[in-house]
Amino acid sequence: MPPNPYAYPFPLNLTSPPISYRHTALLVHVCGHTRAPTGSKLAHITCAVVGRPKRKRSDVGRSSESSELVRLLLRKVDDEKHPLTTTLNKYVRSVRTEHCFLLFEELGKRDNWLQCIEVFRWMQKQRWYIADNGIYSKLISVMGKKGQTRMAMWLFSEMRNSGCRPDTSVYNAVITAHLHSRDKVKALSKAFGYFQKMKGLNERCQPNIVTYNILLRAFAQAGDIKQVEAIFKDLDSSIITPDIYTYNGIMDAYGKNGMLREMELVLLRMKSNQCKPDTITYNLLIDTYGRKQAFDKMEQVFKSLLRSKHRPSLPTFHSMISNYGKARLKEKAELMFRKLHDLGFKPKLRGRMNA
């Protein structure tokens, strides 16, 4: 007999780490969040990708020292009101590529993308500077996040003029930069165009699972299910193996469009491919069933989550409380709110359930 798509492959022994999950219709809010590590020290490789090797203890120490120097540089700029390049010149004997990477990250968070270009120009004047794809990829990514698509494309052009050959990571950064444009229709068209171009280039530029996941997420957010299915089919015909981000993205796309059967079939396929669900998988199932008021299924998934090695997150409770509230199931919503407290969360009430 074929597998029943409505049979749940839970409970599961889960080991995958949770990833970020964007949610709506919030009833509660928790202050504070965790931040991913800024990354390890980066090697200089001429016209090549700057990798992220596994950290040794000495690498962790150097990373901490690099972060401290970057904080010092930024404090000097803020307190003394000196140009950033003036401050960099004062510490020229200490500042290297890894510090500049951290500066790009911090300046990007502050929306000071122009200062990122200043740091880049300063880097190019230093004896230790070697042009590599990692530097350009990072800058293109920062510019894209700030909506500076033209600047991102200028950097892409300059990279090639400097003698560096684009690779997959650079094209992924360019695709992401376009997807941050305001004109979403044009952005999707440009991004997909680069994807098609990559497939016609040499081996170093071929799409990888990150490329597919970026596009799947973008078209899912746009509600273009046909394109999501087309990209997934393309991935299926390649030698690349889908990962948890791939499956979560596709299931989320189906879920947001109310296509429960298709979503559940992807879940079964994920399980058959030995890809274990993570917290996000549980959350998107809970959210989808809740919005469709399929509360029996929603509660079954929640119980499976509690039996697993994963822990419910804030989005888990946000979704359940909100959907119970919309269905005027006040007692269930209040029960879930108490469960929230029992598991150690410290929420601040932001709204009142209308039941």
Protein backbone atom coordinates (compact mmCIF):
# COMPACT_ATOMS: atom_id res chain seq x y z
CA MET A 1 0.00 0.00 0.00
CA PRO A 2 1.21 3.54 -0.72
CA PRO A 3 1.96 5.61 2.38
CA ASN A 4 -0.89 7.59 3.80
CA PRO A 5 0.03 11.29 3.43
CA TYR A 6 -2.01 12.07 6.51
CA ALA A 7 -0.09 9.64 8.71
CA TYR A 8 2.39 11.52 10.87
CA PRO A 9 5.98 10.38 11.12
CA PHE A 10 6.19 11.45 14.75
CA PRO A 11 7.62 11.21 17.34
CA LEU A 12 11.09 11.62 15.89
CA ASN A 13 14.59 11.63 17.31
CA LEU A 14 15.64 15.08 16.21
CA THR A 15 19.11 16.55 16.25
CA SER A 16 18.93 19.39 13.74
CA PRO A 17 19.47 22.89 15.22
CA PRO A 18 16.59 25.34 15.05
CA ILE A 19 16.67 28.16 12.52
CA SER A 20 14.94 31.50 12.42
CA TYR A 21 11.22 31.60 11.77
CA ARG A 22 9.25 34.69 10.85
CA HIS A 23 5.73 34.81 12.27
CA THR A 24 2.58 36.93 12.33
CA ALA A 25 -0.51 37.49 14.50
CA LEU A 26 1.39 37.75 17.75
CA LEU A 27 -0.29 37.66 21.12
CA VAL A 28 2.85 37.64 23.22
CA HIS A 29 6.35 39.00 22.89
CA VAL A 30 9.58 38.01 24.55
CA CYS A 31 12.38 40.53 24.96
CA GLY A 32 15.84 39.49 23.88
CA HIS A 33 17.13 37.12 21.24
CA THR A 34 20.20 35.14 20.37
CA ARG A 35 22.68 36.26 17.77
CA ALA A 36 24.67 34.02 15.50
CA PRO A 37 28.44 34.13 15.82
CA THR A 38 30.13 36.61 13.55
CA GLY A 39 32.36 34.01 11.97
CA SER A 40 35.91 32.84 12.18
CA LYS A 41 39.17 34.28 10.97
CA LEU A 42 39.37 34.34 7.20
CA ALA A 43 42.29 33.27 5.06
CA HIS A 44 43.73 35.26 2.15
CA ILE A 45 43.38 33.31 -1.08
CA THR A 46 43.93 35.18 -4.29
CA CYS A 47 40.77 35.23 -6.38
CA ALA A 48 39.22 32.44 -4.36
CA VAL A 49 36.49 31.86 -1.80
CA VAL A 50 37.30 32.77 1.77
CA GLY A 51 36.23 29.70 3.72
CA ARG A 52 35.04 29.18 7.28
CA PRO A 53 37.20 26.38 8.69
CA LYS A 54 36.37 24.62 11.91
CA ARG A 55 37.59 26.67 14.81
CA LYS A 56 40.40 25.58 17.05
CA ARG A 57 40.71 27.05 20.51
CA SER A 58 43.36 29.48 19.26
CA ASP A 59 41.01 30.59 16.46
CA VAL A 60 38.29 31.37 19.02
CA GLY A 61 40.76 33.48 20.98
CA ARG A 62 41.83 35.39 17.88
CA SER A 63 38.20 35.89 16.89
CA SER A 64 37.49 37.41 20.31
CA GLU A 65 40.50 39.70 19.98
CA SER A 66 39.36 40.74 16.48
CA SER A 67 35.87 41.56 17.75
CA GLU A 68 37.32 43.61 20.61
CA LEU A 69 39.51 45.64 18.24
CA VAL A 70 36.54 46.31 15.96
CA ARG A 71 34.46 47.52 18.94
CA LEU A 72 37.33 49.79 19.90
CA LEU A 73 37.54 51.25 16.39
CA LEU A 74 33.82 51.93 16.29
CA ARG A 75 33.88 53.55 19.75
CA LYS A 76 36.72 55.82 18.61
CA VAL A 77 34.73 56.87 15.56
CA ASP A 78 31.59 57.50 17.63
CA ASP A 79 33.28 59.29 20.53
CA GLU A 80 35.91 61.35 18.75
CA LYS A 81 33.87 62.07 15.64
CA HIS A 82 36.90 61.31 13.48
CA PRO A 83 36.57 59.90 9.97
CA LEU A 84 36.73 56.12 10.02
CA THR A 85 39.78 56.02 7.75
CA THR A 86 41.66 58.32 10.16
CA THR A 87 40.99 55.89 12.98
CA LEU A 88 42.01 52.94 10.80
CA ASN A 89 45.31 54.68 10.03
CA LYS A 90 46.02 54.99 13.75
CA TYR A 91 45.65 51.22 14.11
CA VAL A 92 47.17 50.29 10.75
CA ARG A 93 49.64 47.86 12.34
CA SER A 94 46.84 45.84 13.90
CA VAL A 95 43.97 45.91 11.39
CA ARG A 96 43.81 43.06 8.88
CA THR A 97 41.24 41.40 6.63
CA GLU A 98 39.33 39.70 9.44
CA HIS A 99 38.80 43.04 11.17
CA CYS A 100 37.52 44.60 7.96
CA PHE A 101 35.02 41.74 7.56
CA LEU A 102 33.69 42.44 11.03
CA LEU A 103 33.55 46.16 10.25
CA PHE A 104 31.49 45.43 7.13
CA GLU A 105 29.09 43.44 9.30
CA GLU A 106 28.75 46.07 12.03
CA LEU A 107 28.56 49.05 9.67
CA GLY A 108 25.92 47.23 7.64
CA LYS A 109 23.82 46.79 10.79
CA ARG A 110 24.10 50.54 11.38
CA ASP A 111 23.01 51.29 7.80
CA ASN A 112 26.42 52.93 7.19
CA TRP A 113 26.99 51.22 3.86
CA LEU A 114 29.01 54.16 2.55
CA GLN A 115 31.52 53.61 5.33
CA CYS A 116 31.81 50.00 4.18
CA ILE A 117 33.07 51.34 0.86
CA GLU A 118 35.50 53.62 2.73
CA VAL A 119 36.89 50.62 4.61
CA PHE A 120 37.16 48.68 1.35
CA ARG A 121 39.09 51.51 -0.34
CA TRP A 122 41.34 51.73 2.71
CA MET A 123 41.98 47.97 2.52
CA GLN A 124 43.05 48.21 -1.11
CA LYS A 125 45.86 50.59 -0.15
CA GLN A 126 47.38 48.22 2.41
CA ARG A 127 50.36 46.00 1.60
CA TRP A 128 48.65 42.93 3.00
CA TYR A 129 45.57 43.32 0.81
CA ILE A 130 44.90 40.52 -1.68
CA ALA A 131 41.73 40.68 -3.77
CA ASP A 132 39.59 37.62 -3.25
CA ASN A 133 36.02 36.55 -3.85
CA GLY A 134 35.22 36.45 -0.14
CA ILE A 135 35.72 40.20 0.26
CA TYR A 136 33.58 41.06 -2.75
CA SER A 137 30.92 38.52 -1.83
CA LYS A 138 30.64 40.01 1.66
CA LEU A 139 30.39 43.58 0.36
CA ILE A 140 27.84 42.64 -2.30
CA SER A 141 25.78 40.95 0.41
CA VAL A 142 25.92 44.02 2.68
CA MET A 143 24.96 46.36 -0.17
CA GLY A 144 22.09 44.09 -1.18
CA LYS A 145 20.65 43.98 2.33
CA LYS A 146 20.61 47.78 2.37
CA GLY A 147 18.82 47.96 -0.97
CA GLN A 148 21.90 49.30 -2.75
CA THR A 149 21.59 47.04 -5.78
CA ARG A 150 23.51 49.39 -8.09
CA MET A 151 26.42 49.52 -5.68
CA ALA A 152 26.33 45.73 -5.40
CA MET A 153 26.53 45.41 -9.19
CA TRP A 154 29.35 47.97 -9.33
CA LEU A 155 31.31 45.80 -6.88
CA PHE A 156 30.53 42.72 -9.01
CA SER A 157 31.96 44.52 -12.04
CA GLU A 158 35.02 45.76 -10.14
CA MET A 159 35.68 42.26 -8.85
CA ARG A 160 35.98 40.95 -12.38
CA ASN A 161 38.13 43.91 -13.40
CA SER A 162 40.48 43.14 -10.50
CA GLY A 163 41.21 39.70 -11.93
CA CYS A 164 38.95 37.64 -9.66
CA ARG A 165 36.71 35.12 -11.34
CA PRO A 166 33.15 34.89 -9.99
CA ASP A 167 32.15 31.65 -8.31
CA THR A 168 28.95 30.21 -6.84
CA SER A 169 29.18 32.20 -3.59
CA VAL A 170 29.53 35.49 -5.48
CA TYR A 171 26.56 34.72 -7.75
CA ASN A 172 24.52 33.76 -4.68
CA ALA A 173 25.34 37.17 -3.18
CA VAL A 174 24.34 38.91 -6.43
CA ILE A 175 21.04 36.99 -6.58
CA THR A 176 20.29 37.89 -2.95
CA ALA A 177 21.15 41.54 -3.63
CA HIS A 178 18.60 41.71 -6.45
CA LEU A 179 15.95 40.06 -4.28
CA HIS A 180 16.20 42.98 -1.82
CA SER A 181 15.10 45.42 -4.54
CA ARG A 182 11.78 47.20 -4.11
CA ASP A 183 10.45 46.09 -7.49
CA LYS A 184 9.82 42.47 -6.55
CA VAL A 185 8.67 41.36 -10.01
CA LYS A 186 11.83 42.70 -11.61
CA ALA A 187 13.91 41.34 -8.72
CA LEU A 188 12.60 37.80 -9.18
CA SER A 189 13.17 37.99 -12.92
CA LYS A 190 16.78 39.19 -12.44
CA ALA A 191 17.48 36.57 -9.78
CA PHE A 192 16.12 33.75 -11.92
CA GLY A 193 18.11 35.07 -14.88
CA TYR A 194 21.37 34.79 -12.93
CA PHE A 195 20.35 31.30 -11.84
CA GLN A 196 19.92 30.25 -15.47
CA LYS A 197 23.22 31.91 -16.37
CA MET A 198 25.04 29.99 -13.63
CA LYS A 199 23.91 26.67 -15.08
CA GLY A 200 25.60 27.57 -18.38
CA LEU A 201 28.93 28.52 -16.80
CA ASN A 202 31.87 26.41 -15.66
CA GLU A 203 31.90 24.11 -12.65
CA ARG A 204 32.98 26.79 -10.15
CA CYS A 205 29.82 28.79 -10.89
CA GLN A 206 27.21 26.02 -10.83
CA PRO A 207 24.20 26.50 -8.52
CA ASN A 208 24.48 24.80 -5.14
CA ILE A 209 21.86 24.00 -2.53
CA VAL A 210 22.15 27.56 -1.17
CA THR A 211 21.24 28.94 -4.61
CA TYR A 212 18.17 26.73 -4.83
CA ASN A 213 17.09 27.56 -1.28
CA ILE A 214 17.40 31.31 -1.91
CA LEU A 215 15.19 31.07 -4.99
CA LEU A 216 12.69 28.67 -3.43
CA ARG A 217 12.22 31.03 -0.50
CA ALA A 218 11.89 34.08 -2.75
CA PHE A 219 9.24 32.57 -5.01
CA ALA A 220 7.44 31.05 -2.01
CA GLN A 221 7.21 34.51 -0.42
CA ALA A 222 5.85 35.83 -3.70
CA GLY A 223 3.18 33.09 -3.68
CA ASP A 224 4.39 31.68 -7.01
CA ILE A 225 3.76 27.98 -6.36
CA LYS A 226 4.32 26.98 -9.99
CA GLN A 227 7.81 28.45 -9.97
CA VAL A 228 8.53 26.86 -6.58
CA GLU A 229 7.57 23.47 -8.01
CA ALA A 230 9.60 24.10 -11.18
CA ILE A 231 12.74 24.98 -9.20
CA PHE A 232 12.25 21.97 -6.92
CA LYS A 233 11.86 19.74 -9.98
CA ASP A 234 15.06 21.21 -11.40
CA LEU A 235 16.83 20.47 -8.11
CA ASP A 236 15.43 16.94 -8.18
CA SER A 237 17.01 16.30 -11.57
CA SER A 238 20.42 17.55 -10.41
CA ILE A 239 23.06 15.80 -8.30
CA ILE A 240 22.39 18.18 -5.39
CA THR A 241 20.71 16.79 -2.28
CA PRO A 242 17.92 18.85 -0.69
CA ASP A 243 18.48 19.83 2.93
CA ILE A 244 16.18 20.81 5.79
CA TYR A 245 16.00 24.41 4.54
CA THR A 246 14.79 23.15 1.15
CA TYR A 247 12.02 20.99 2.57
CA ASN A 248 10.94 23.61 5.08
CA GLY A 249 10.76 26.24 2.33
CA ILE A 250 8.61 24.09 0.07
CA MET A 251 6.30 22.99 2.89
CA ASP A 252 5.92 26.60 4.00
CA ALA A 253 5.00 27.61 0.45
CA TYR A 254 2.34 24.91 0.24
CA GLY A 255 1.11 25.64 3.76
CA LYS A 256 0.66 29.36 3.15
CA ASN A 257 -1.44 28.51 0.10
CA GLY A 258 -3.60 26.02 2.03
CA MET A 259 -2.27 23.02 0.08
CA LEU A 260 -2.19 20.60 3.01
CA ARG A 261 -1.94 17.36 1.07
CA GLU A 262 1.04 18.61 -0.96
CA MET A 263 2.69 19.86 2.22
CA GLU A 264 2.26 16.49 3.92
CA LEU A 265 3.64 14.61 0.91
CA VAL A 266 6.80 16.72 1.08
CA LEU A 267 7.02 15.89 4.79
CA LEU A 268 6.86 12.18 4.00
CA ARG A 269 9.48 12.57 1.30
CA MET A 270 11.75 14.44 3.68
CA LYS A 271 11.47 11.62 6.21
CA SER A 272 12.12 8.95 3.58
CA ASN A 273 15.30 10.79 2.56
CA GLN A 274 16.58 10.63 6.15
CA CYS A 275 16.30 14.39 6.59
CA LYS A 276 15.00 14.92 10.10
CA PRO A 277 12.48 17.70 10.83
CA ASP A 278 13.59 20.54 13.08
CA THR A 279 11.72 23.12 15.15
CA ILE A 280 10.84 25.08 12.02
CA THR A 281 9.22 22.01 10.48
CA TYR A 282 7.02 21.60 13.53
CA ASN A 283 6.22 25.32 13.64
CA LEU A 284 5.15 25.61 10.03
CA LEU A 285 2.95 22.51 10.37
CA ILE A 286 1.37 23.95 13.54
CA ASP A 287 0.83 27.32 11.88
CA THR A 288 -0.66 25.83 8.72
CA TYR A 289 -3.07 23.53 10.55
CA GLY A 290 -4.00 26.33 12.93
CA ARG A 291 -4.87 28.75 10.15
CA LYS A 292 -7.03 26.07 8.52
CA GLN A 293 -8.57 25.37 11.98
CA ALA A 294 -7.47 21.74 11.75
CA PHE A 295 -6.88 21.80 15.49
CA ASP A 296 -6.71 18.02 15.98
CA LYS A 297 -3.73 17.84 13.62
CA MET A 298 -2.20 20.97 15.10
CA GLU A 299 -2.38 19.52 18.62
CA GLN A 300 -1.02 16.18 17.45
CA VAL A 301 2.04 17.88 15.96
CA PHE A 302 2.51 19.91 19.15
CA LYS A 303 2.44 16.74 21.28
CA SER A 304 4.99 15.18 18.96
CA LEU A 305 7.19 18.24 19.36
CA LEU A 306 7.03 17.91 23.16
CA ARG A 307 8.06 14.24 22.90
CA SER A 308 10.97 15.07 20.63
CA LYS A 309 14.42 16.37 21.55
CA HIS A 310 13.41 19.79 20.28
CA ARG A 311 11.87 22.48 22.42
CA PRO A 312 8.89 24.64 21.43
CA SER A 313 9.89 28.19 20.54
CA LEU A 314 8.05 31.49 20.80
CA PRO A 315 6.58 31.13 17.27
CA THR A 316 5.09 27.78 18.32
CA PHE A 317 3.02 29.44 21.05
CA HIS A 318 2.33 32.61 19.06
CA SER A 319 0.75 30.55 16.31
CA MET A 320 -1.32 28.29 18.56
CA ILE A 321 -2.59 31.07 20.84
CA SER A 322 -3.42 33.33 17.90
CA ASN A 323 -5.29 30.63 15.97
CA TYR A 324 -7.19 29.50 19.05
CA GLY A 325 -8.13 33.12 19.63
CA LYS A 326 -9.41 33.58 16.10
CA ALA A 327 -11.58 30.48 16.56
CA ARG A 328 -12.80 31.85 19.93
CA LEU A 329 -11.38 28.86 21.79
CA LYS A 330 -10.54 30.90 24.87
CA GLU A 331 -9.87 28.02 27.25
CA LYS A 332 -7.40 26.37 24.90
CA ALA A 333 -5.65 29.65 24.28
CA GLU A 334 -5.31 30.29 28.01
CA LEU A 335 -4.05 26.74 28.57
CA MET A 336 -1.37 27.31 25.95
CA PHE A 337 -0.45 30.62 27.56
CA ARG A 338 0.08 28.83 30.89
CA LYS A 339 2.17 26.22 29.09
CA LEU A 340 4.27 29.05 27.76
CA HIS A 341 5.06 30.12 31.34
CA ASP A 342 5.65 26.55 32.49
CA LEU A 343 8.39 26.10 29.90
CA GLY A 344 10.27 29.13 31.19
CA PHE A 345 9.32 31.84 28.73
CA LYS A 346 8.75 35.33 30.12
CA PRO A 347 6.30 37.02 27.79
CA LYS A 348 4.89 40.53 27.85
CA LEU A 349 1.22 40.69 26.91
CA ARG A 350 0.80 42.78 23.76
CA GLY A 351 -2.79 42.20 22.92
CA ARG A 352 -6.04 40.82 24.28
CA MET A 353 -7.75 37.76 22.89
CA ASN A 354 -11.18 38.55 21.63
CA ALA A 355 -13.20 35.54 22.65
